[in-house]
C-alpha atoms as a PDB file:
ATOM      1  CA  UNK A   1       0.345  -0.291   0.083  1.00  0.00           C
ATOM      2  CA  UNK A   2       1.252   3.605  -0.842  1.00  0.00           C
ATOM      3  CA  UNK A   3       2.143   6.088   1.552  1.00  0.00           C
ATOM      4  CA  UNK A   4       1.635   9.929   2.348  1.00  0.00           C
ATOM      5  CA  UNK A   5       5.096  10.218   1.852  1.00  0.00           C
ATOM      6  CA  UNK A   6       4.929   9.026  -1.395  1.00  0.00           C
ATOM      7  CA  UNK A   7       2.585  11.435  -2.967  1.00  0.00           C
ATOM      8  CA  UNK A   8       4.863  13.847  -4.411  1.00  0.00           C
ATOM      9  CA  UNK A   9       7.233  11.454  -5.713  1.00  0.00           C
ATOM     10  CA  UNK A  10       4.694   9.637  -7.748  1.00  0.00           C
ATOM     11  CA  UNK A  11       3.481  13.023  -9.083  1.00  0.00           C
ATOM     12  CA  UNK A  12       6.693  13.888 -10.279  1.00  0.00           C
ATOM     13  CA  UNK A  13       7.561  10.546 -11.541  1.00  0.00           C
ATOM     14  CA  UNK A  14       3.766  10.670 -13.961  1.00  0.00           C
ATOM     15  CA  UNK A  15       4.943  14.462 -14.899  1.00  0.00           C
ATOM     16  CA  UNK A  16       8.592  13.772 -15.411  1.00  0.00           C
ATOM     17  CA  UNK A  17       8.262  13.122 -19.346  1.00  0.00           C
ATOM     18  CA  UNK A  18       5.378  16.458 -19.706  1.00  0.00           C
ATOM     19  CA  UNK A  19       5.680  19.809 -18.568  1.00  0.00           C
ATOM     20  CA  UNK A  20       3.296  21.144 -16.127  1.00  0.00           C
ATOM     21  CA  UNK A  21       1.204  23.772 -17.195  1.00  0.00           C
ATOM     22  CA  UNK A  22      -0.997  26.568 -15.089  1.00  0.00           C
ATOM     23  CA  UNK A  23      -3.724  28.772 -15.786  1.00  0.00           C
ATOM     24  CA  UNK A  24      -4.659  27.590 -19.332  1.00  0.00           C
ATOM     25  CA  UNK A  25      -8.274  27.110 -20.853  1.00  0.00           C
ATOM     26  CA  UNK A  26      -9.531  23.701 -20.876  1.00  0.00           C
ATOM     27  CA  UNK A  27      -8.923  21.782 -24.166  1.00  0.00           C
ATOM     28  CA  UNK A  28     -12.068  20.348 -25.230  1.00  0.00           C
ATOM     29  CA  UNK A  29     -12.040  16.702 -25.577  1.00  0.00           C
ATOM     30  CA  UNK A  30     -13.752  14.731 -28.424  1.00  0.00           C
ATOM     31  CA  UNK A  31     -16.476  11.898 -27.937  1.00  0.00           C
ATOM     32  CA  UNK A  32     -15.321   8.449 -28.703  1.00  0.00           C
ATOM     33  CA  UNK A  33     -17.429   5.642 -28.351  1.00  0.00           C
ATOM     34  CA  UNK A  34     -16.290   3.595 -25.606  1.00  0.00           C
ATOM     35  CA  UNK A  35     -13.948   5.643 -24.035  1.00  0.00           C
ATOM     36  CA  UNK A  36     -15.416   7.751 -21.580  1.00  0.00           C
ATOM     37  CA  UNK A  37     -14.212  11.203 -20.699  1.00  0.00           C
ATOM     38  CA  UNK A  38     -13.967  12.458 -16.560  1.00  0.00           C
ATOM     39  CA  UNK A  39     -14.056  15.345 -15.151  1.00  0.00           C
ATOM     40  CA  UNK A  40     -13.379  16.149 -11.398  1.00  0.00           C
ATOM     41  CA  UNK A  41     -15.278  18.949  -9.780  1.00  0.00           C
ATOM     42  CA  UNK A  42     -13.527  20.378  -6.287  1.00  0.00           C
ATOM     43  CA  UNK A  43     -16.324  21.989  -4.418  1.00  0.00           C
ATOM     44  CA  UNK A  44     -14.523  23.944  -2.705  1.00  0.00           C
ATOM     45  CA  UNK A  45     -13.639  28.208  -2.924  1.00  0.00           C
ATOM     46  CA  UNK A  46      -9.864  27.733  -2.704  1.00  0.00           C
ATOM     47  CA  UNK A  47      -8.938  31.334  -1.380  1.00  0.00           C
ATOM     48  CA  UNK A  48     -11.758  30.769   1.313  1.00  0.00           C
ATOM     49  CA  UNK A  49     -10.321  27.837   2.228  1.00  0.00           C
ATOM     50  CA  UNK A  50      -7.053  28.935   2.224  1.00  0.00           C
ATOM     51  CA  UNK A  51      -7.579  32.090   3.968  1.00  0.00           C
ATOM     52  CA  UNK A  52      -9.133  30.661   7.518  1.00  0.00           C
ATOM     53  CA  UNK A  53      -7.697  31.978  10.714  1.00  0.00           C
ATOM     54  CA  UNK A  54      -5.250  28.977  11.784  1.00  0.00           C
ATOM     55  CA  UNK A  55      -6.247  30.263  15.443  1.00  0.00           C
ATOM     56  CA  UNK A  56      -9.968  28.618  14.921  1.00  0.00           C
ATOM     57  CA  UNK A  57     -10.428  25.556  16.702  1.00  0.00           C
ATOM     58  CA  UNK A  58     -13.334  23.989  13.912  1.00  0.00           C
ATOM     59  CA  UNK A  59     -14.276  23.282  10.192  1.00  0.00           C
ATOM     60  CA  UNK A  60     -11.247  24.467   8.665  1.00  0.00           C
ATOM     61  CA  UNK A  61      -8.153  22.251   6.843  1.00  0.00           C
ATOM     62  CA  UNK A  62      -5.021  21.551   8.706  1.00  0.00           C
ATOM     63  CA  UNK A  63      -2.049  23.905   7.719  1.00  0.00           C
ATOM     64  CA  UNK A  64       1.217  21.889   5.834  1.00  0.00           C
ATOM     65  CA  UNK A  65       3.319  22.882   9.289  1.00  0.00           C
ATOM     66  CA  UNK A  66       0.390  20.770  11.446  1.00  0.00           C
ATOM     67  CA  UNK A  67       0.589  17.834   8.873  1.00  0.00           C
ATOM     68  CA  UNK A  68       4.431  17.709   8.806  1.00  0.00           C
ATOM     69  CA  UNK A  69       3.914  17.621  12.623  1.00  0.00           C
ATOM     70  CA  UNK A  70       1.874  15.002  13.726  1.00  0.00           C
ATOM     71  CA  UNK A  71       2.765  13.043  10.146  1.00  0.00           C
ATOM     72  CA  UNK A  72       6.350  13.571  11.441  1.00  0.00           C
ATOM     73  CA  UNK A  73       9.110  12.253   9.802  1.00  0.00           C
ATOM     74  CA  UNK A  74       7.095  11.454   6.351  1.00  0.00           C
ATOM     75  CA  UNK A  75       7.686  15.003   5.380  1.00  0.00           C
ATOM     76  CA  UNK A  76      10.582  15.754   6.050  1.00  0.00           C
ATOM     77  CA  UNK A  77      12.178  15.996   2.862  1.00  0.00           C
ATOM     78  CA  UNK A  78      13.309  19.214   0.190  1.00  0.00           C
ATOM     79  CA  UNK A  79       9.907  19.014  -1.810  1.00  0.00           C
ATOM     80  CA  UNK A  80       7.996  19.743   1.542  1.00  0.00           C
ATOM     81  CA  UNK A  81      10.040  22.500   2.944  1.00  0.00           C
ATOM     82  CA  UNK A  82       9.218  26.034   2.785  1.00  0.00           C
ATOM     83  CA  UNK A  83      11.665  26.408  -0.491  1.00  0.00           C
ATOM     84  CA  UNK A  84       9.685  24.081  -2.132  1.00  0.00           C
ATOM     85  CA  UNK A  85       6.087  23.879  -0.888  1.00  0.00           C
ATOM     86  CA  UNK A  86       3.269  26.094   0.348  1.00  0.00           C
ATOM     87  CA  UNK A  87       3.556  25.691   4.348  1.00  0.00           C
ATOM     88  CA  UNK A  88      -0.308  27.018   5.081  1.00  0.00           C
ATOM     89  CA  UNK A  89      -3.480  25.314   4.541  1.00  0.00           C
ATOM     90  CA  UNK A  90      -3.051  26.027   0.919  1.00  0.00           C
ATOM     91  CA  UNK A  91      -0.046  23.586   1.152  1.00  0.00           C
ATOM     92  CA  UNK A  92      -2.533  20.846   2.470  1.00  0.00           C
ATOM     93  CA  UNK A  93      -4.686  21.909  -0.284  1.00  0.00           C
ATOM     94  CA  UNK A  94      -2.091  21.293  -3.111  1.00  0.00           C
ATOM     95  CA  UNK A  95      -1.740  17.524  -1.271  1.00  0.00           C
ATOM     96  CA  UNK A  96      -5.255  16.632  -2.419  1.00  0.00           C
ATOM     97  CA  UNK A  97      -4.714  17.890  -5.904  1.00  0.00           C
ATOM     98  CA  UNK A  98      -0.871  15.850  -5.476  1.00  0.00           C
ATOM     99  CA  UNK A  99      -3.040  12.467  -5.062  1.00  0.00           C
ATOM    100  CA  UNK A 100      -5.439  12.536  -7.618  1.00  0.00           C
ATOM    101  CA  UNK A 101      -2.539  12.232 -10.050  1.00  0.00           C
ATOM    102  CA  UNK A 102      -2.056   8.371 -10.129  1.00  0.00           C
ATOM    103  CA  UNK A 103      -6.161   8.027 -10.209  1.00  0.00           C
ATOM    104  CA  UNK A 104      -5.909  10.584 -13.790  1.00  0.00           C
ATOM    105  CA  UNK A 105      -3.124   8.914 -15.127  1.00  0.00           C
ATOM    106  CA  UNK A 106      -4.958   5.144 -14.695  1.00  0.00           C
ATOM    107  CA  UNK A 107      -8.268   6.436 -16.022  1.00  0.00           C
ATOM    108  CA  UNK A 108      -6.327   8.433 -18.562  1.00  0.00           C
ATOM    109  CA  UNK A 109      -4.862   5.128 -19.936  1.00  0.00           C
ATOM    110  CA  UNK A 110      -7.894   3.069 -19.947  1.00  0.00           C
ATOM    111  CA  UNK A 111     -10.041   5.499 -21.151  1.00  0.00           C
ATOM    112  CA  UNK A 112      -7.564   7.388 -23.573  1.00  0.00           C
ATOM    113  CA  UNK A 113      -8.601  10.488 -22.288  1.00  0.00           C
ATOM    114  CA  UNK A 114      -6.947  13.105 -19.682  1.00  0.00           C
ATOM    115  CA  UNK A 115      -9.026  13.555 -16.891  1.00  0.00           C
ATOM    116  CA  UNK A 116      -9.939  17.248 -16.719  1.00  0.00           C
ATOM    117  CA  UNK A 117     -10.010  18.631 -12.966  1.00  0.00           C
ATOM    118  CA  UNK A 118     -11.831  21.791 -12.048  1.00  0.00           C
ATOM    119  CA  UNK A 119     -12.342  23.864  -8.797  1.00  0.00           C
ATOM    120  CA  UNK A 120     -15.151  26.177  -8.407  1.00  0.00           C
ATOM    121  CA  UNK A 121     -13.158  29.091  -6.746  1.00  0.00           C
ATOM    122  CA  UNK A 122      -9.813  28.787  -7.994  1.00  0.00           C
ATOM    123  CA  UNK A 123      -6.446  30.042  -6.521  1.00  0.00           C
ATOM    124  CA  UNK A 124      -6.957  33.048  -8.894  1.00  0.00           C
ATOM    125  CA  UNK A 125     -10.181  33.540  -7.433  1.00  0.00           C
ATOM    126  CA  UNK A 126     -11.624  32.557 -10.774  1.00  0.00           C
ATOM    127  CA  UNK A 127     -15.418  31.078 -10.401  1.00  0.00           C
ATOM    128  CA  UNK A 128     -16.306  28.410 -12.597  1.00  0.00           C
ATOM    129  CA  UNK A 129     -19.858  26.801 -11.362  1.00  0.00           C
ATOM    130  CA  UNK A 130     -21.119  23.656 -13.463  1.00  0.00           C
ATOM    131  CA  UNK A 131     -22.091  24.427 -16.914  1.00  0.00           C
ATOM    132  CA  UNK A 132     -21.730  23.381 -20.087  1.00  0.00           C
ATOM    133  CA  UNK A 133     -18.436  24.585 -20.293  1.00  0.00           C
ATOM    134  CA  UNK A 134     -17.561  21.218 -17.680  1.00  0.00           C
ATOM    135  CA  UNK A 135     -20.449  19.359 -19.287  1.00  0.00           C
ATOM    136  CA  UNK A 136     -20.214  19.140 -22.699  1.00  0.00           C
ATOM    137  CA  UNK A 137     -17.008  17.045 -23.046  1.00  0.00           C
ATOM    138  CA  UNK A 138     -17.228  15.478 -19.681  1.00  0.00           C
ATOM    139  CA  UNK A 139     -19.289  11.525 -19.702  1.00  0.00           C
ATOM    140  CA  UNK A 140     -18.467  10.825 -15.939  1.00  0.00           C
ATOM    141  CA  UNK A 141     -18.338  14.016 -13.804  1.00  0.00           C
ATOM    142  CA  UNK A 142     -16.980  13.633 -10.226  1.00  0.00           C
ATOM    143  CA  UNK A 143     -17.971  15.973  -7.860  1.00  0.00           C
ATOM    144  CA  UNK A 144     -15.638  16.299  -4.573  1.00  0.00           C
ATOM    145  CA  UNK A 145     -17.831  17.695  -1.440  1.00  0.00           C
ATOM    146  CA  UNK A 146     -14.716  19.067   0.368  1.00  0.00           C
ATOM    147  CA  UNK A 147     -15.939  22.450   1.044  1.00  0.00           C
ATOM    148  CA  UNK A 148     -16.903  23.309   4.900  1.00  0.00           C
ATOM    149  CA  UNK A 149     -20.270  23.942   5.581  1.00  0.00           C
ATOM    150  CA  UNK A 150     -19.438  27.235   6.892  1.00  0.00           C
ATOM    151  CA  UNK A 151     -17.901  28.462   3.776  1.00  0.00           C
ATOM    152  CA  UNK A 152     -21.865  28.705   2.149  1.00  0.00           C
ATOM    153  CA  UNK A 153     -20.755  27.213  -1.090  1.00  0.00           C
ATOM    154  CA  UNK A 154     -24.660  26.216  -2.440  1.00  0.00           C
ATOM    155  CA  UNK A 155     -25.235  25.286  -5.661  1.00  0.00           C
ATOM    156  CA  UNK A 156     -27.614  27.285  -8.076  1.00  0.00           C
ATOM    157  CA  UNK A 157     -30.708  26.582  -9.848  1.00  0.00           C
ATOM    158  CA  UNK A 158     -29.443  26.866 -13.076  1.00  0.00           C
ATOM    159  CA  UNK A 159     -26.659  24.279 -11.616  1.00  0.00           C
ATOM    160  CA  UNK A 160     -29.078  21.694 -10.827  1.00  0.00           C
ATOM    161  CA  UNK A 161     -31.003  21.965 -14.257  1.00  0.00           C
ATOM    162  CA  UNK A 162     -27.395  21.937 -15.983  1.00  0.00           C
ATOM    163  CA  UNK A 163     -26.948  18.287 -14.153  1.00  0.00           C
ATOM    164  CA  UNK A 164     -30.259  17.310 -14.805  1.00  0.00           C
ATOM    165  CA  UNK A 165     -30.023  17.984 -18.591  1.00  0.00           C
ATOM    166  CA  UNK A 166     -26.965  16.177 -18.677  1.00  0.00           C
ATOM    167  CA  UNK A 167     -28.127  13.237 -16.865  1.00  0.00           C
ATOM    168  CA  UNK A 168     -30.799  13.137 -19.997  1.00  0.00           C
ATOM    169  CA  UNK A 169     -27.682  11.993 -22.049  1.00  0.00           C
ATOM    170  CA  UNK A 170     -26.878   8.220 -22.805  1.00  0.00           C
ATOM    171  CA  UNK A 171     -24.067   6.745 -21.081  1.00  0.00           C
ATOM    172  CA  UNK A 172     -23.424   9.717 -18.373  1.00  0.00           C
ATOM    173  CA  UNK A 173     -22.433   9.364 -14.580  1.00  0.00           C
ATOM    174  CA  UNK A 174     -22.735  11.603 -12.092  1.00  0.00           C
ATOM    175  CA  UNK A 175     -20.516  10.509  -8.926  1.00  0.00           C
ATOM    176  CA  UNK A 176     -21.125  12.669  -5.862  1.00  0.00           C
ATOM    177  CA  UNK A 177     -18.928  12.519  -2.645  1.00  0.00           C
ATOM    178  CA  UNK A 178     -19.715  14.174   0.287  1.00  0.00           C
ATOM    179  CA  UNK A 179     -17.081  14.403   2.950  1.00  0.00           C
ATOM    180  CA  UNK A 180     -17.564  13.508   6.592  1.00  0.00           C
ATOM    181  CA  UNK A 181     -19.586  15.352   9.388  1.00  0.00           C
ATOM    182  CA  UNK A 182     -17.889  15.266  12.447  1.00  0.00           C
ATOM    183  CA  UNK A 183     -19.044  16.927  15.360  1.00  0.00           C
ATOM    184  CA  UNK A 184     -22.689  17.972  14.554  1.00  0.00           C
ATOM    185  CA  UNK A 185     -23.918  17.099  18.217  1.00  0.00           C
ATOM    186  CA  UNK A 186     -23.943  19.977  20.774  1.00  0.00           C
ATOM    187  CA  UNK A 187     -22.562  17.580  22.893  1.00  0.00           C
ATOM    188  CA  UNK A 188     -18.801  17.887  23.501  1.00  0.00           C
ATOM    189  CA  UNK A 189     -19.049  14.763  25.333  1.00  0.00           C
ATOM    190  CA  UNK A 190     -20.049  13.370  22.095  1.00  0.00           C
ATOM    191  CA  UNK A 191     -17.592  15.246  19.987  1.00  0.00           C
ATOM    192  CA  UNK A 192     -14.508  14.092  21.952  1.00  0.00           C
ATOM    193  CA  UNK A 193     -16.199  10.252  21.796  1.00  0.00           C
ATOM    194  CA  UNK A 194     -16.426  10.515  17.786  1.00  0.00           C
ATOM    195  CA  UNK A 195     -12.486  12.035  17.760  1.00  0.00           C
ATOM    196  CA  UNK A 196     -11.376   9.186  19.773  1.00  0.00           C
ATOM    197  CA  UNK A 197     -12.855   6.840  17.457  1.00  0.00           C
ATOM    198  CA  UNK A 198     -11.353   8.542  14.389  1.00  0.00           C
ATOM    199  CA  UNK A 199      -8.207   8.824  16.358  1.00  0.00           C
ATOM    200  CA  UNK A 200      -7.111  11.319  13.746  1.00  0.00           C
ATOM    201  CA  UNK A 201      -4.819  14.593  15.695  1.00  0.00           C
ATOM    202  CA  UNK A 202      -5.397  16.459  12.508  1.00  0.00           C
ATOM    203  CA  UNK A 203      -9.382  16.425  12.503  1.00  0.00           C
ATOM    204  CA  UNK A 204     -11.025  19.456  14.601  1.00  0.00           C
ATOM    205  CA  UNK A 205     -13.695  18.230  17.106  1.00  0.00           C
ATOM    206  CA  UNK A 206     -15.904  19.783  14.580  1.00  0.00           C
ATOM    207  CA  UNK A 207     -15.208  19.589  10.887  1.00  0.00           C
ATOM    208  CA  UNK A 208     -18.622  19.697   8.797  1.00  0.00           C
ATOM    209  CA  UNK A 209     -18.037  19.352   4.861  1.00  0.00           C
ATOM    210  CA  UNK A 210     -20.271  19.279   1.607  1.00  0.00           C
ATOM    211  CA  UNK A 211     -22.577  21.566   1.776  1.00  0.00           C
ATOM    212  CA  UNK A 212     -22.604  22.034  -2.179  1.00  0.00           C
ATOM    213  CA  UNK A 213     -22.758  18.961  -2.804  1.00  0.00           C
ATOM    214  CA  UNK A 214     -25.557  18.238   0.001  1.00  0.00           C
ATOM    215  CA  UNK A 215     -27.545  20.993  -2.169  1.00  0.00           C
ATOM    216  CA  UNK A 216     -26.875  18.733  -5.134  1.00  0.00           C
ATOM    217  CA  UNK A 217     -28.448  16.504  -3.734  1.00  0.00           C
ATOM    218  CA  UNK A 218     -31.228  17.734  -2.409  1.00  0.00           C
ATOM    219  CA  UNK A 219     -32.199  19.491  -5.975  1.00  0.00           C
ATOM    220  CA  UNK A 220     -31.497  16.197  -7.821  1.00  0.00           C
ATOM    221  CA  UNK A 221     -33.794  14.299  -5.639  1.00  0.00           C
ATOM    222  CA  UNK A 222     -31.014  11.747  -4.232  1.00  0.00           C
ATOM    223  CA  UNK A 223     -32.341  10.098  -1.066  1.00  0.00           C
ATOM    224  CA  UNK A 224     -28.692  10.235   1.133  1.00  0.00           C
ATOM    225  CA  UNK A 225     -27.506  12.403   4.396  1.00  0.00           C
ATOM    226  CA  UNK A 226     -23.862  12.128   4.828  1.00  0.00           C
ATOM    227  CA  UNK A 227     -23.006  11.258   8.201  1.00  0.00           C
ATOM    228  CA  UNK A 228     -20.112  10.977  10.797  1.00  0.00           C
ATOM    229  CA  UNK A 229     -16.564  10.095  10.456  1.00  0.00           C
ATOM    230  CA  UNK A 230     -16.153   6.337  10.502  1.00  0.00           C
ATOM    231  CA  UNK A 231     -13.069   4.583  11.205  1.00  0.00           C
ATOM    232  CA  UNK A 232     -12.837   1.143   8.730  1.00  0.00           C
ATOM    233  CA  UNK A 233     -12.248  -1.941  10.219  1.00  0.00           C
ATOM    234  CA  UNK A 234      -8.609  -3.047   9.294  1.00  0.00           C
ATOM    235  CA  UNK A 235      -6.612  -6.400   9.538  1.00  0.00           C
ATOM    236  CA  UNK A 236      -4.866  -6.727  13.070  1.00  0.00           C
ATOM    237  CA  UNK A 237      -1.569  -5.267  12.957  1.00  0.00           C
ATOM    238  CA  UNK A 238      -2.084  -3.257   9.691  1.00  0.00           C
ATOM    239  CA  UNK A 239      -3.955  -0.705   8.005  1.00  0.00           C
ATOM    240  CA  UNK A 240      -5.189  -2.582   5.465  1.00  0.00           C
ATOM    241  CA  UNK A 241      -8.909  -2.322   5.168  1.00  0.00           C
ATOM    242  CA  UNK A 242     -10.970  -5.570   5.889  1.00  0.00           C
ATOM    243  CA  UNK A 243     -13.054  -6.704   3.046  1.00  0.00           C
ATOM    244  CA  UNK A 244     -16.339  -4.492   2.190  1.00  0.00           C
ATOM    245  CA  UNK A 245     -19.182  -6.168   2.469  1.00  0.00           C
ATOM    246  CA  UNK A 246     -20.588  -6.263  -1.141  1.00  0.00           C
ATOM    247  CA  UNK A 247     -24.078  -6.140  -2.217  1.00  0.00           C
ATOM    248  CA  UNK A 248     -23.112  -8.411  -5.906  1.00  0.00           C
ATOM    249  CA  UNK A 249     -26.881  -9.042  -6.751  1.00  0.00           C
ATOM    250  CA  UNK A 250     -27.341  -5.545  -7.067  1.00  0.00           C
ATOM    251  CA  UNK A 251     -24.184  -5.007  -8.763  1.00  0.00           C
ATOM    252  CA  UNK A 252     -26.057  -5.033 -11.964  1.00  0.00           C
ATOM    253  CA  UNK A 253     -22.800  -2.939 -13.937  1.00  0.00           C
ATOM    254  CA  UNK A 254     -20.573  -4.800 -12.322  1.00  0.00           C
ATOM    255  CA  UNK A 255     -18.798  -2.094 -10.844  1.00  0.00           C
ATOM    256  CA  UNK A 256     -17.515  -4.063  -7.813  1.00  0.00           C
ATOM    257  CA  UNK A 257     -16.315  -7.072 -10.161  1.00  0.00           C
ATOM    258  CA  UNK A 258     -13.104  -8.008  -7.995  1.00  0.00           C
ATOM    259  CA  UNK A 259     -13.018  -4.983  -5.686  1.00  0.00           C
ATOM    260  CA  UNK A 260     -12.801  -6.257  -2.238  1.00  0.00           C
ATOM    261  CA  UNK A 261     -11.609  -3.112  -0.473  1.00  0.00           C
ATOM    262  CA  UNK A 262     -11.305   0.520  -0.949  1.00  0.00           C
ATOM    263  CA  UNK A 263      -8.628   2.629   1.031  1.00  0.00           C
ATOM    264  CA  UNK A 264      -7.811   2.754   4.681  1.00  0.00           C
ATOM    265  CA  UNK A 265      -8.826   6.353   5.820  1.00  0.00           C
ATOM    266  CA  UNK A 266      -9.785   7.573   9.682  1.00  0.00           C
ATOM    267  CA  UNK A 267     -12.648   9.088   9.124  1.00  0.00           C
ATOM    268  CA  UNK A 268     -15.506   8.026   6.774  1.00  0.00           C
ATOM    269  CA  UNK A 269     -18.898   9.428   6.171  1.00  0.00           C
ATOM    270  CA  UNK A 270     -21.691   7.064   6.322  1.00  0.00           C
ATOM    271  CA  UNK A 271     -24.309   7.588   3.750  1.00  0.00           C
ATOM    272  CA  UNK A 272     -27.323   7.641   4.919  1.00  0.00           C
ATOM    273  CA  UNK A 273     -31.040   6.217   2.837  1.00  0.00           C
ATOM    274  CA  UNK A 274     -33.698   9.264   3.375  1.00  0.00           C
ATOM    275  CA  UNK A 275     -35.668   6.651   1.395  1.00  0.00           C
ATOM    276  CA  UNK A 276     -37.403   3.464   2.002  1.00  0.00           C
ATOM    277  CA  UNK A 277     -37.739   2.654  -1.385  1.00  0.00           C
ATOM    278  CA  UNK A 278     -35.728  -0.131  -2.173  1.00  0.00           C
ATOM    279  CA  UNK A 279     -35.902   0.728  -6.140  1.00  0.00           C
ATOM    280  CA  UNK A 280     -34.803   3.732  -5.718  1.00  0.00           C
ATOM    281  CA  UNK A 281     -31.040   3.884  -4.875  1.00  0.00           C
ATOM    282  CA  UNK A 282     -29.050   0.730  -4.343  1.00  0.00           C
ATOM    283  CA  UNK A 283     -26.107   0.336  -1.163  1.00  0.00           C
ATOM    284  CA  UNK A 284     -23.498  -1.633  -3.212  1.00  0.00           C
ATOM    285  CA  UNK A 285     -20.659  -2.127  -0.472  1.00  0.00           C
ATOM    286  CA  UNK A 286     -20.381  -1.230   2.951  1.00  0.00           C
ATOM    287  CA  UNK A 287     -17.627  -1.096   5.318  1.00  0.00           C
ATOM    288  CA  UNK A 288     -17.173  -2.627   8.587  1.00  0.00           C
ATOM    289  CA  UNK A 289     -16.395   0.050  11.535  1.00  0.00           C
ATOM    290  CA  UNK A 290     -13.444  -0.398  14.038  1.00  0.00           C
ATOM    291  CA  UNK A 291     -15.286  -1.351  17.036  1.00  0.00           C
ATOM    292  CA  UNK A 292     -12.119  -0.661  19.631  1.00  0.00           C
ATOM    293  CA  UNK A 293     -13.346   2.866  20.387  1.00  0.00           C
ATOM    294  CA  UNK A 294     -17.153   3.472  20.913  1.00  0.00           C
ATOM    295  CA  UNK A 295     -19.125   6.059  18.721  1.00  0.00           C
ATOM    296  CA  UNK A 296     -23.116   7.196  18.498  1.00  0.00           C
ATOM    297  CA  UNK A 297     -23.069   4.964  15.610  1.00  0.00           C
ATOM    298  CA  UNK A 298     -22.026   1.901  16.871  1.00  0.00           C
ATOM    299  CA  UNK A 299     -23.407   2.897  20.203  1.00  0.00           C
ATOM    300  CA  UNK A 300     -26.894   2.637  18.087  1.00  0.00           C
ATOM    301  CA  UNK A 301     -25.946  -1.042  17.149  1.00  0.00           C
ATOM    302  CA  UNK A 302     -24.518  -0.725  13.531  1.00  0.00           C
ATOM    303  CA  UNK A 303     -21.369  -2.420  12.554  1.00  0.00           C
ATOM    304  CA  UNK A 304     -20.889  -1.369   9.286  1.00  0.00           C
ATOM    305  CA  UNK A 305     -21.607   1.851   7.299  1.00  0.00           C
ATOM    306  CA  UNK A 306     -22.649   2.608   3.509  1.00  0.00           C
ATOM    307  CA  UNK A 307     -19.700   3.117   1.509  1.00  0.00           C
ATOM    308  CA  UNK A 308     -20.841   2.966  -2.084  1.00  0.00           C
ATOM    309  CA  UNK A 309     -24.250   3.545  -3.743  1.00  0.00           C
ATOM    310  CA  UNK A 310     -25.824   3.452  -7.143  1.00  0.00           C
ATOM    311  CA  UNK A 311     -29.046   5.395  -8.020  1.00  0.00           C
ATOM    312  CA  UNK A 312     -29.955   2.909 -11.649  1.00  0.00           C
ATOM    313  CA  UNK A 313     -31.456   5.627 -14.322  1.00  0.00           C
ATOM    314  CA  UNK A 314     -35.174   6.038 -14.104  1.00  0.00           C
ATOM    315  CA  UNK A 315     -37.461   8.628 -15.877  1.00  0.00           C
ATOM    316  CA  UNK A 316     -36.053  10.504 -18.124  1.00  0.00           C
ATOM    317  CA  UNK A 317     -32.989  10.569 -16.179  1.00  0.00           C
ATOM    318  CA  UNK A 318     -30.842   8.033 -18.476  1.00  0.00           C
ATOM    319  CA  UNK A 319     -27.476   8.552 -16.603  1.00  0.00           C
ATOM    320  CA  UNK A 320     -26.491   6.612 -13.307  1.00  0.00           C
ATOM    321  CA  UNK A 321     -25.828   8.274 -10.016  1.00  0.00           C
ATOM    322  CA  UNK A 322     -22.929   6.778  -7.529  1.00  0.00           C
ATOM    323  CA  UNK A 323     -21.782   8.144  -4.214  1.00  0.00           C
ATOM    324  CA  UNK A 324     -17.942   7.568  -3.034  1.00  0.00           C
ATOM    325  CA  UNK A 325     -16.185   9.734  -0.813  1.00  0.00           C
ATOM    326  CA  UNK A 326     -13.453  11.453  -2.846  1.00  0.00           C
ATOM    327  CA  UNK A 327     -10.850   9.653  -0.459  1.00  0.00           C
ATOM    328  CA  UNK A 328     -10.992   6.501  -2.744  1.00  0.00           C
ATOM    329  CA  UNK A 329     -10.213   8.021  -5.986  1.00  0.00           C
ATOM    330  CA  UNK A 330      -6.658   9.333  -4.232  1.00  0.00           C
ATOM    331  CA  UNK A 331      -3.341   8.202  -3.024  1.00  0.00           C
ATOM    332  CA  UNK A 332      -3.122  10.611  -0.167  1.00  0.00           C
ATOM    333  CA  UNK A 333      -4.276   7.667   2.025  1.00  0.00           C
ATOM    334  CA  UNK A 334      -3.041   4.507   0.143  1.00  0.00           C
ATOM    335  CA  UNK A 335      -4.365   2.583  -2.659  1.00  0.00           C
ATOM    336  CA  UNK A 336      -3.733  -1.309  -3.650  1.00  0.00           C
ATOM    337  CA  UNK A 337      -4.578  -3.517  -6.714  1.00  0.00           C
ATOM    338  CA  UNK A 338      -8.066  -3.943  -5.333  1.00  0.00           C
ATOM    339  CA  UNK A 339      -8.358  -0.081  -5.347  1.00  0.00           C
ATOM    340  CA  UNK A 340      -7.019   0.596  -9.061  1.00  0.00           C
ATOM    341  CA  UNK A 341      -9.574  -2.593 -10.350  1.00  0.00           C
ATOM    342  CA  UNK A 342     -12.492  -0.124  -8.830  1.00  0.00           C
ATOM    343  CA  UNK A 343     -11.200   3.015 -11.062  1.00  0.00           C
ATOM    344  CA  UNK A 344     -10.871   0.733 -14.016  1.00  0.00           C
ATOM    345  CA  UNK A 345     -14.450  -0.763 -13.588  1.00  0.00           C
ATOM    346  CA  UNK A 346     -15.423   2.672 -13.667  1.00  0.00           C
ATOM    347  CA  UNK A 347     -13.559   3.994 -16.438  1.00  0.00           C
ATOM    348  CA  UNK A 348     -14.357   0.880 -18.810  1.00  0.00           C
ATOM    349  CA  UNK A 349     -18.523  -0.348 -17.231  1.00  0.00           C
END
């Protein structure tokens, strides 16, 4: 399994033969049958997240300095030094970008199409809502919900309508990835219980994500809420997650074919269903929870949480809607052959 310290090395290796460009307009990709065009959309306002007061206790990303302190000595190399890498919150955001390179490379090789990456508001303050500029040459759109609730990012009616029209197109797929929702309770003891359960020193007692994706789910009628931040169960003495509980009978597309595990991450969201209609949405994979420390979710009798969900086409919607956390598509928290097989399945099935 890859470690977080390999992220920059992997990114450098992947781009060694190709120059990196920045501040360029996207070159449209031509449609080719069987060659999916993937696009990633980070829902954050990069400046808003990067400019947060580091004295704030909750609802912000860690600074790179905090990452280095907690992860020491993983980041004590020249590529993460102040001469080479941003040391504030912006540095942590850049880690997410770097950790996506392996996914971009694998999917690009599988489809013959480059993977486009967009930000709702980028480093230069350029705002890009989801509209035809993104959707016209996209077949699979991945919306990574890493905006904090307090940032007030919310999908407009125009964006929701644009996605409705996008999903009327045969062969399209929308992957929604609202992140965790830690510390929702006003009870400070309960927040401490959650913190002790996941065990990540970098996550504050309250870190609530995904207002943008929540507004998309509401507008598109996706009956899901992202709740908690749950630590997956692992094989004793390792950080390899125990196998997923896969419902193969519902996996008509074969997305979980030969996939046993995703990735270890200390605080993954539970995608709670808000409907009792079994035809509306299928839970294809559940992740067993680490039971070594209590959590309100496990105290209520739960031993697994919903990890990967599918809404099949229905009515005017010809496209698929999937739900999967953004960490499943990065190498910041590791990755193995099973995870790469999942990526290939999404790219080719």
